[in-house]
Amino acid sequence: FLRRGPRGEDLVMEDCLDDLTRDAVKFIRTESSNKEKPFFLYF
């Protein structure tokens, strides 16, 4: 189910959850290396 509307060509519906997961994992890896500052991730 989708409603008609504008879509960026880099957003493919079947890939969306993978795209977001990849970015969340990158955030965790990057911020985990900063031992001086904790992180909060809302996913």
All heavy atoms as atom14 arrays in JSON, in Angstrom:
{
  "sequence": "FLRRGPRGEDLVMEDCLDDLTRDAVKFIRTESSNKEKPFFLYF",
  "atom14_mask": [
    [1, 1, 1, 1, 1, 1, 1, 1, 1, 1, 1, 0, 0, 0],
    [1, 1, 1, 1, 1, 1, 1, 1, 0, 0, 0, 0, 0, 0],
    [1, 1, 1, 1, 1, 1, 1, 1, 1, 1, 1, 0, 0, 0],
    [1, 1, 1, 1, 1, 1, 1, 1, 1, 1, 1, 0, 0, 0],
    [1, 1, 1, 1, 0, 0, 0, 0, 0, 0, 0, 0, 0, 0],
    [1, 1, 1, 1, 1, 1, 1, 0, 0, 0, 0, 0, 0, 0],
    [1, 1, 1, 1, 1, 1, 1, 1, 1, 1, 1, 0, 0, 0],
    [1, 1, 1, 1, 0, 0, 0, 0, 0, 0, 0, 0, 0, 0],
    [1, 1, 1, 1, 1, 1, 1, 1, 1, 0, 0, 0, 0, 0],
    [1, 1, 1, 1, 1, 1, 1, 1, 0, 0, 0, 0, 0, 0],
    [1, 1, 1, 1, 1, 1, 1, 1, 0, 0, 0, 0, 0, 0],
    [1, 1, 1, 1, 1, 1, 1, 0, 0, 0, 0, 0, 0, 0],
    [1, 1, 1, 1, 1, 1, 1, 1, 0, 0, 0, 0, 0, 0],
    [1, 1, 1, 1, 1, 1, 1, 1, 1, 0, 0, 0, 0, 0],
    [1, 1, 1, 1, 1, 1, 1, 1, 0, 0, 0, 0, 0, 0],
    [1, 1, 1, 1, 1, 1, 0, 0, 0, 0, 0, 0, 0, 0],
    [1, 1, 1, 1, 1, 1, 1, 1, 0, 0, 0, 0, 0, 0],
    [1, 1, 1, 1, 1, 1, 1, 1, 0, 0, 0, 0, 0, 0],
    [1, 1, 1, 1, 1, 1, 1, 1, 0, 0, 0, 0, 0, 0],
    [1, 1, 1, 1, 1, 1, 1, 1, 0, 0, 0, 0, 0, 0],
    [1, 1, 1, 1, 1, 1, 1, 0, 0, 0, 0, 0, 0, 0],
    [1, 1, 1, 1, 1, 1, 1, 1, 1, 1, 1, 0, 0, 0],
    [1, 1, 1, 1, 1, 1, 1, 1, 0, 0, 0, 0, 0, 0],
    [1, 1, 1, 1, 1, 0, 0, 0, 0, 0, 0, 0, 0, 0],
    [1, 1, 1, 1, 1, 1, 1, 0, 0, 0, 0, 0, 0, 0],
    [1, 1, 1, 1, 1, 1, 1, 1, 1, 0, 0, 0, 0, 0],
    [1, 1, 1, 1, 1, 1, 1, 1, 1, 1, 1, 0, 0, 0],
    [1, 1, 1, 1, 1, 1, 1, 1, 0, 0, 0, 0, 0, 0],
    [1, 1, 1, 1, 1, 1, 1, 1, 1, 1, 1, 0, 0, 0],
    [1, 1, 1, 1, 1, 1, 1, 0, 0, 0, 0, 0, 0, 0],
    [1, 1, 1, 1, 1, 1, 1, 1, 1, 0, 0, 0, 0, 0],
    [1, 1, 1, 1, 1, 1, 0, 0, 0, 0, 0, 0, 0, 0],
    [1, 1, 1, 1, 1, 1, 0, 0, 0, 0, 0, 0, 0, 0],
    [1, 1, 1, 1, 1, 1, 1, 1, 0, 0, 0, 0, 0, 0],
    [1, 1, 1, 1, 1, 1, 1, 1, 1, 0, 0, 0, 0, 0],
    [1, 1, 1, 1, 1, 1, 1, 1, 1, 0, 0, 0, 0, 0],
    [1, 1, 1, 1, 1, 1, 1, 1, 1, 0, 0, 0, 0, 0],
    [1, 1, 1, 1, 1, 1, 1, 0, 0, 0, 0, 0, 0, 0],
    [1, 1, 1, 1, 1, 1, 1, 1, 1, 1, 1, 0, 0, 0],
    [1, 1, 1, 1, 1, 1, 1, 1, 1, 1, 1, 0, 0, 0],
    [1, 1, 1, 1, 1, 1, 1, 1, 0, 0, 0, 0, 0, 0],
    [1, 1, 1, 1, 1, 1, 1, 1, 1, 1, 1, 1, 0, 0],
    [1, 1, 1, 1, 1, 1, 1, 1, 1, 1, 1, 0, 0, 0]
  ],
  "atom14_positions": [
    [[0.82, -1.21, 0.0], [0.0, 0.0, 0.0], [0.86, 1.26, 0.0], [1.71, 1.46, 0.86], [-0.93, 0.02, 1.21], [-1.78, 1.25, 1.29], [-2.94, 1.36, 0.54], [-1.4, 2.31, 2.09], [-3.73, 2.5, 0.6], [-2.17, 3.47, 2.16], [-3.34, 3.56, 1.41], [0.0, 0.0, 0.0], [0.0, 0.0, 0.0], [0.0, 0.0, 0.0]],
    [[0.59, 2.13, -0.97], [1.26, 3.43, -1.06], [0.28, 4.47, -1.58], [-0.62, 4.15, -2.37], [2.47, 3.36, -2.0], [3.69, 2.57, -1.53], [4.65, 2.37, -2.69], [4.37, 3.27, -0.38], [0.0, 0.0, 0.0], [0.0, 0.0, 0.0], [0.0, 0.0, 0.0], [0.0, 0.0, 0.0], [0.0, 0.0, 0.0], [0.0, 0.0, 0.0]],
    [[0.48, 5.7, -1.16], [-0.27, 6.82, -1.7], [0.55, 7.5, -2.79], [1.78, 7.5, -2.74], [-0.61, 7.83, -0.59], [-1.53, 7.27, 0.48], [-1.66, 8.23, 1.65], [-2.65, 7.78, 2.63], [-2.39, 6.96, 3.64], [-1.17, 6.48, 3.81], [-3.34, 6.61, 4.48], [0.0, 0.0, 0.0], [0.0, 0.0, 0.0], [0.0, 0.0, 0.0]],
    [[-0.11, 8.08, -3.75], [0.58, 8.75, -4.84], [1.28, 10.0, -4.33], [0.74, 10.75, -3.52], [-0.41, 9.12, -5.94], [0.21, 9.7, -7.21], [-0.87, 9.96, -8.25], [-0.31, 10.38, -9.53], [0.0, 11.63, -9.85], [-0.21, 12.59, -8.96], [0.49, 11.92, -11.03], [0.0, 0.0, 0.0], [0.0, 0.0, 0.0], [0.0, 0.0, 0.0]],
    [[2.51, 10.21, -4.8], [3.22, 11.41, -4.38], [4.66, 11.42, -4.83], [5.15, 10.45, -5.44], [0.0, 0.0, 0.0], [0.0, 0.0, 0.0], [0.0, 0.0, 0.0], [0.0, 0.0, 0.0], [0.0, 0.0, 0.0], [0.0, 0.0, 0.0], [0.0, 0.0, 0.0], [0.0, 0.0, 0.0], [0.0, 0.0, 0.0], [0.0, 0.0, 0.0]],
    [[5.4, 12.5, -4.55], [6.8, 12.61, -4.99], [7.71, 11.67, -4.2], [7.53, 11.46, -3.0], [7.13, 14.07, -4.71], [6.21, 14.48, -3.64], [4.95, 13.72, -3.87], [0.0, 0.0, 0.0], [0.0, 0.0, 0.0], [0.0, 0.0, 0.0], [0.0, 0.0, 0.0], [0.0, 0.0, 0.0], [0.0, 0.0, 0.0], [0.0, 0.0, 0.0]],
    [[8.7, 11.12, -4.93], [9.67, 10.2, -4.33], [11.06, 10.51, -4.84], [11.27, 10.68, -6.05], [9.3, 8.74, -4.64], [10.32, 7.71, -4.12], [9.85, 6.29, -4.36], [9.7, 5.98, -5.78], [10.7, 5.62, -6.58], [11.95, 5.54, -6.13], [10.45, 5.34, -7.86], [0.0, 0.0, 0.0], [0.0, 0.0, 0.0], [0.0, 0.0, 0.0]],
    [[12.01, 10.6, -3.92], [13.4, 10.71, -4.32], [13.86, 9.4, -4.94], [13.52, 8.32, -4.44], [0.0, 0.0, 0.0], [0.0, 0.0, 0.0], [0.0, 0.0, 0.0], [0.0, 0.0, 0.0], [0.0, 0.0, 0.0], [0.0, 0.0, 0.0], [0.0, 0.0, 0.0], [0.0, 0.0, 0.0], [0.0, 0.0, 0.0], [0.0, 0.0, 0.0]],
    [[14.64, 9.49, -5.99], [15.04, 8.26, -6.69], [15.94, 7.37, -5.85], [16.1, 6.18, -6.15], [15.72, 8.61, -8.02], [14.76, 9.23, -9.02], [15.37, 9.36, -10.4], [15.5, 8.32, -11.09], [15.74, 10.49, -10.78], [0.0, 0.0, 0.0], [0.0, 0.0, 0.0], [0.0, 0.0, 0.0], [0.0, 0.0, 0.0], [0.0, 0.0, 0.0]],
    [[16.55, 7.91, -4.79], [17.41, 7.08, -3.94], [16.62, 6.34, -2.86], [17.19, 5.57, -2.1], [18.52, 7.93, -3.3], [17.98, 9.03, -2.39], [16.79, 9.38, -2.51], [18.76, 9.55, -1.58], [0.0, 0.0, 0.0], [0.0, 0.0, 0.0], [0.0, 0.0, 0.0], [0.0, 0.0, 0.0], [0.0, 0.0, 0.0], [0.0, 0.0, 0.0]],
    [[15.31, 6.56, -2.8], [14.48, 5.85, -1.83], [13.68, 4.77, -2.57], [12.73, 5.07, -3.29], [13.53, 6.8, -1.1], [12.91, 6.27, 0.21], [12.38, 7.42, 1.06], [11.79, 5.26, -0.03], [0.0, 0.0, 0.0], [0.0, 0.0, 0.0], [0.0, 0.0, 0.0], [0.0, 0.0, 0.0], [0.0, 0.0, 0.0], [0.0, 0.0, 0.0]],
    [[14.11, 3.55, -2.4], [13.42, 2.39, -2.96], [12.72, 1.69, -1.82], [13.35, 1.34, -0.81], [14.43, 1.43, -3.65], [13.72, 0.2, -4.18], [15.18, 2.16, -4.76], [0.0, 0.0, 0.0], [0.0, 0.0, 0.0], [0.0, 0.0, 0.0], [0.0, 0.0, 0.0], [0.0, 0.0, 0.0], [0.0, 0.0, 0.0], [0.0, 0.0, 0.0]],
    [[11.42, 1.5, -1.93], [10.63, 1.02, -0.81], [11.18, -0.26, -0.19], [11.31, -0.38, 1.04], [9.17, 0.81, -1.23], [8.5, 2.06, -1.76], [8.53, 3.42, -0.57], [7.87, 4.76, -1.57], [0.0, 0.0, 0.0], [0.0, 0.0, 0.0], [0.0, 0.0, 0.0], [0.0, 0.0, 0.0], [0.0, 0.0, 0.0], [0.0, 0.0, 0.0]],
    [[11.51, -1.24, -1.01], [12.0, -2.52, -0.5], [13.35, -2.39, 0.17], [13.75, -3.26, 0.96], [12.08, -3.55, -1.63], [10.73, -4.0, -2.16], [10.24, -3.13, -3.32], [10.71, -1.96, -3.42], [9.42, -3.61, -4.11], [0.0, 0.0, 0.0], [0.0, 0.0, 0.0], [0.0, 0.0, 0.0], [0.0, 0.0, 0.0], [0.0, 0.0, 0.0]],
    [[14.1, -1.31, -0.13], [15.43, -1.12, 0.45], [15.43, -0.2, 1.66], [16.47, -0.04, 2.32], [16.38, -0.52, -0.6], [16.65, -1.46, -1.76], [16.48, -2.69, -1.58], [17.03, -0.96, -2.84], [0.0, 0.0, 0.0], [0.0, 0.0, 0.0], [0.0, 0.0, 0.0], [0.0, 0.0, 0.0], [0.0, 0.0, 0.0], [0.0, 0.0, 0.0]],
    [[14.3, 0.42, 1.96], [14.27, 1.48, 2.97], [14.74, 0.99, 4.34], [15.59, 1.63, 4.98], [12.87, 2.07, 3.07], [12.76, 3.48, 4.21], [0.0, 0.0, 0.0], [0.0, 0.0, 0.0], [0.0, 0.0, 0.0], [0.0, 0.0, 0.0], [0.0, 0.0, 0.0], [0.0, 0.0, 0.0], [0.0, 0.0, 0.0], [0.0, 0.0, 0.0]],
    [[14.22, -0.12, 4.81], [14.61, -0.59, 6.13], [16.09, -0.95, 6.17], [16.78, -0.69, 7.17], [13.75, -1.79, 6.54], [13.87, -2.25, 8.0], [13.65, -1.11, 8.98], [12.91, -3.4, 8.28], [0.0, 0.0, 0.0], [0.0, 0.0, 0.0], [0.0, 0.0, 0.0], [0.0, 0.0, 0.0], [0.0, 0.0, 0.0], [0.0, 0.0, 0.0]],
    [[16.59, -1.51, 5.09], [18.03, -1.79, 5.01], [18.86, -0.51, 5.05], [19.89, -0.44, 5.72], [18.35, -2.55, 3.72], [18.1, -4.04, 3.82], [17.74, -4.51, 4.92], [18.26, -4.73, 2.8], [0.0, 0.0, 0.0], [0.0, 0.0, 0.0], [0.0, 0.0, 0.0], [0.0, 0.0, 0.0], [0.0, 0.0, 0.0], [0.0, 0.0, 0.0]],
    [[18.4, 0.51, 4.31], [19.13, 1.79, 4.29], [19.22, 2.38, 5.69], [20.28, 2.85, 6.12], [18.43, 2.79, 3.36], [18.51, 2.39, 1.9], [19.36, 1.55, 1.54], [17.7, 2.93, 1.1], [0.0, 0.0, 0.0], [0.0, 0.0, 0.0], [0.0, 0.0, 0.0], [0.0, 0.0, 0.0], [0.0, 0.0, 0.0], [0.0, 0.0, 0.0]],
    [[18.1, 2.37, 6.4], [18.07, 2.93, 7.73], [18.92, 2.11, 8.71], [19.64, 2.67, 9.55], [16.63, 3.02, 8.23], [15.69, 3.91, 7.42], [14.26, 3.79, 7.94], [16.14, 5.37, 7.45], [0.0, 0.0, 0.0], [0.0, 0.0, 0.0], [0.0, 0.0, 0.0], [0.0, 0.0, 0.0], [0.0, 0.0, 0.0], [0.0, 0.0, 0.0]],
    [[18.84, 0.8, 8.57], [19.64, -0.07, 9.45], [21.12, 0.17, 9.25], [21.89, 0.26, 10.23], [19.3, -1.54, 9.18], [17.9, -1.76, 9.37], [20.09, -2.47, 10.09], [0.0, 0.0, 0.0], [0.0, 0.0, 0.0], [0.0, 0.0, 0.0], [0.0, 0.0, 0.0], [0.0, 0.0, 0.0], [0.0, 0.0, 0.0], [0.0, 0.0, 0.0]],
    [[21.52, 0.29, 8.02], [22.93, 0.54, 7.71], [23.4, 1.86, 8.35], [24.5, 1.94, 8.92], [23.12, 0.58, 6.19], [24.53, 0.55, 5.71], [24.62, 0.09, 4.25], [23.55, 0.61, 3.43], [22.6, -0.15, 2.86], [22.6, -1.45, 3.03], [21.67, 0.41, 2.11], [0.0, 0.0, 0.0], [0.0, 0.0, 0.0], [0.0, 0.0, 0.0]],
    [[22.56, 2.87, 8.31], [22.92, 4.16, 8.87], [22.95, 4.1, 10.41], [23.83, 4.71, 11.04], [21.93, 5.23, 8.41], [22.55, 6.61, 8.36], [23.26, 6.91, 7.38], [22.33, 7.38, 9.31], [0.0, 0.0, 0.0], [0.0, 0.0, 0.0], [0.0, 0.0, 0.0], [0.0, 0.0, 0.0], [0.0, 0.0, 0.0], [0.0, 0.0, 0.0]],
    [[22.01, 3.38, 11.0], [21.99, 3.24, 12.45], [23.23, 2.5, 12.95], [23.85, 2.89, 13.94], [20.72, 2.51, 12.89], [0.0, 0.0, 0.0], [0.0, 0.0, 0.0], [0.0, 0.0, 0.0], [0.0, 0.0, 0.0], [0.0, 0.0, 0.0], [0.0, 0.0, 0.0], [0.0, 0.0, 0.0], [0.0, 0.0, 0.0], [0.0, 0.0, 0.0]],
    [[23.6, 1.46, 12.24], [24.79, 0.69, 12.61], [26.04, 1.55, 12.49], [26.94, 1.51, 13.35], [24.9, -0.57, 11.73], [26.29, -1.21, 11.84], [23.82, -1.58, 12.12], [0.0, 0.0, 0.0], [0.0, 0.0, 0.0], [0.0, 0.0, 0.0], [0.0, 0.0, 0.0], [0.0, 0.0, 0.0], [0.0, 0.0, 0.0], [0.0, 0.0, 0.0]],
    [[26.11, 2.37, 11.45], [27.25, 3.27, 11.28], [27.32, 4.27, 12.44], [28.41, 4.56, 12.96], [27.14, 4.02, 9.95], [28.31, 4.94, 9.67], [28.15, 5.64, 8.33], [29.32, 6.6, 8.06], [29.15, 7.31, 6.76], [0.0, 0.0, 0.0], [0.0, 0.0, 0.0], [0.0, 0.0, 0.0], [0.0, 0.0, 0.0], [0.0, 0.0, 0.0]],
    [[26.18, 4.8, 12.84], [26.15, 5.73, 13.97], [26.69, 5.06, 15.23], [27.49, 5.63, 15.98], [24.72, 6.23, 14.19], [24.58, 7.22, 15.32], [24.7, 8.58, 15.08], [24.31, 6.79, 16.62], [24.57, 9.5, 16.13], [24.18, 7.7, 17.66], [24.31, 9.06, 17.41], [0.0, 0.0, 0.0], [0.0, 0.0, 0.0], [0.0, 0.0, 0.0]],
    [[26.24, 3.83, 15.49], [26.69, 3.1, 16.68], [28.2, 2.87, 16.63], [28.92, 3.11, 17.62], [25.94, 1.76, 16.79], [24.47, 2.0, 17.09], [26.57, 0.86, 17.87], [23.59, 0.78, 16.94], [0.0, 0.0, 0.0], [0.0, 0.0, 0.0], [0.0, 0.0, 0.0], [0.0, 0.0, 0.0], [0.0, 0.0, 0.0], [0.0, 0.0, 0.0]],
    [[28.7, 2.43, 15.48], [30.15, 2.18, 15.36], [30.96, 3.46, 15.55], [31.96, 3.47, 16.28], [30.45, 1.58, 13.98], [29.97, 0.16, 13.81], [30.15, -0.29, 12.37], [29.74, -1.68, 12.18], [29.52, -2.23, 10.98], [29.66, -1.49, 9.87], [29.14, -3.48, 10.9], [0.0, 0.0, 0.0], [0.0, 0.0, 0.0], [0.0, 0.0, 0.0]],
    [[30.5, 4.53, 14.93], [31.24, 5.79, 15.01], [31.24, 6.34, 16.42], [32.29, 6.73, 16.96], [30.63, 6.82, 14.05], [30.69, 6.33, 12.71], [31.37, 8.15, 14.13], [0.0, 0.0, 0.0], [0.0, 0.0, 0.0], [0.0, 0.0, 0.0], [0.0, 0.0, 0.0], [0.0, 0.0, 0.0], [0.0, 0.0, 0.0], [0.0, 0.0, 0.0]],
    [[30.08, 6.39, 17.04], [29.98, 7.01, 18.37], [30.54, 6.12, 19.47], [30.95, 6.62, 20.52], [28.53, 7.39, 18.66], [27.94, 8.39, 17.68], [28.83, 9.62, 17.48], [29.43, 10.08, 18.47], [28.92, 10.1, 16.34], [0.0, 0.0, 0.0], [0.0, 0.0, 0.0], [0.0, 0.0, 0.0], [0.0, 0.0, 0.0], [0.0, 0.0, 0.0]],
    [[30.59, 4.81, 19.24], [31.19, 3.91, 20.23], [32.69, 4.14, 20.36], [33.29, 3.84, 21.4], [30.93, 2.45, 19.85], [29.55, 2.15, 19.93], [0.0, 0.0, 0.0], [0.0, 0.0, 0.0], [0.0, 0.0, 0.0], [0.0, 0.0, 0.0], [0.0, 0.0, 0.0], [0.0, 0.0, 0.0], [0.0, 0.0, 0.0], [0.0, 0.0, 0.0]],
    [[33.28, 4.66, 19.3], [34.73, 4.9, 19.34], [35.09, 6.15, 20.15], [36.25, 6.36, 20.48], [35.28, 5.05, 17.91], [34.74, 6.2, 17.28], [0.0, 0.0, 0.0], [0.0, 0.0, 0.0], [0.0, 0.0, 0.0], [0.0, 0.0, 0.0], [0.0, 0.0, 0.0], [0.0, 0.0, 0.0], [0.0, 0.0, 0.0], [0.0, 0.0, 0.0]],
    [[34.09, 6.97, 20.46], [34.31, 8.17, 21.25], [34.15, 7.82, 22.72], [33.03, 7.75, 23.25], [33.32, 9.27, 20.86], [33.55, 10.57, 21.6], [34.4, 10.65, 22.48], [32.79, 11.59, 21.24], [0.0, 0.0, 0.0], [0.0, 0.0, 0.0], [0.0, 0.0, 0.0], [0.0, 0.0, 0.0], [0.0, 0.0, 0.0], [0.0, 0.0, 0.0]],
    [[35.24, 7.57, 23.38], [35.19, 7.11, 24.77], [34.87, 8.24, 25.76], [34.59, 7.98, 26.93], [36.54, 6.48, 25.16], [36.97, 5.33, 24.25], [35.93, 4.22, 24.17], [36.39, 3.09, 23.27], [35.34, 2.03, 23.13], [0.0, 0.0, 0.0], [0.0, 0.0, 0.0], [0.0, 0.0, 0.0], [0.0, 0.0, 0.0], [0.0, 0.0, 0.0]],
    [[34.89, 9.47, 25.27], [34.66, 10.62, 26.16], [33.2, 11.03, 26.21], [32.82, 11.8, 27.09], [35.51, 11.81, 25.68], [37.0, 11.54, 25.61], [37.57, 11.12, 26.97], [37.16, 11.75, 27.97], [38.39, 10.19, 27.01], [0.0, 0.0, 0.0], [0.0, 0.0, 0.0], [0.0, 0.0, 0.0], [0.0, 0.0, 0.0], [0.0, 0.0, 0.0]],
    [[32.4, 10.54, 25.28], [31.03, 11.02, 25.19], [30.07, 9.87, 24.92], [30.22, 9.15, 23.92], [30.94, 12.06, 24.06], [29.73, 12.96, 24.12], [29.9, 14.15, 23.17], [28.83, 15.18, 23.42], [29.01, 16.41, 22.65], [0.0, 0.0, 0.0], [0.0, 0.0, 0.0], [0.0, 0.0, 0.0], [0.0, 0.0, 0.0], [0.0, 0.0, 0.0]],
    [[29.06, 9.65, 25.77], [28.07, 8.62, 25.49], [27.15, 9.05, 24.36], [27.09, 10.23, 24.0], [27.31, 8.5, 26.81], [27.4, 9.86, 27.4], [28.76, 10.39, 27.01], [0.0, 0.0, 0.0], [0.0, 0.0, 0.0], [0.0, 0.0, 0.0], [0.0, 0.0, 0.0], [0.0, 0.0, 0.0], [0.0, 0.0, 0.0], [0.0, 0.0, 0.0]],
    [[26.41, 8.1, 23.81], [25.49, 8.45, 22.73], [24.08, 7.96, 23.04], [23.87, 7.01, 23.79], [25.96, 7.9, 21.39], [25.93, 6.38, 21.26], [24.75, 5.71, 20.93], [27.08, 5.62, 21.45], [24.71, 4.32, 20.81], [27.06, 4.23, 21.33], [25.87, 3.59, 21.01], [0.0, 0.0, 0.0], [0.0, 0.0, 0.0], [0.0, 0.0, 0.0]],
    [[23.13, 8.66, 22.43], [21.73, 8.26, 22.44], [21.29, 8.12, 21.0], [21.41, 9.05, 20.2], [20.86, 9.31, 23.15], [19.38, 9.18, 22.88], [18.7, 7.99, 23.11], [18.64, 10.26, 22.39], [17.33, 7.86, 22.85], [17.28, 10.15, 22.14], [16.63, 8.95, 22.37], [0.0, 0.0, 0.0], [0.0, 0.0, 0.0], [0.0, 0.0, 0.0]],
    [[20.77, 6.95, 20.64], [20.23, 6.71, 19.3], [18.76, 6.33, 19.42], [18.41, 5.34, 20.05], [20.99, 5.58, 18.6], [20.4, 5.15, 17.25], [20.43, 6.29, 16.23], [21.12, 3.91, 16.7], [0.0, 0.0, 0.0], [0.0, 0.0, 0.0], [0.0, 0.0, 0.0], [0.0, 0.0, 0.0], [0.0, 0.0, 0.0], [0.0, 0.0, 0.0]],
    [[17.93, 7.12, 18.78], [16.5, 6.81, 18.63], [16.34, 6.24, 17.24], [16.63, 6.91, 16.24], [15.69, 8.09, 18.81], [14.21, 7.99, 18.52], [13.45, 6.88, 18.86], [13.55, 9.07, 17.91], [12.09, 6.82, 18.59], [12.19, 9.02, 17.65], [11.47, 7.9, 17.99], [10.12, 7.85, 17.72], [0.0, 0.0, 0.0], [0.0, 0.0, 0.0]],
    [[15.91, 4.98, 17.15], [15.84, 4.25, 15.88], [14.4, 3.8, 15.62], [14.05, 2.65, 15.85], [16.79, 3.06, 15.94], [16.95, 2.3, 14.64], [16.66, 2.86, 13.41], [17.41, 0.98, 14.65], [16.8, 2.15, 12.22], [17.58, 0.26, 13.48], [17.26, 0.84, 12.27], [0.0, 0.0, 0.0], [0.0, 0.0, 0.0], [0.0, 0.0, 0.0]]
  ]
}
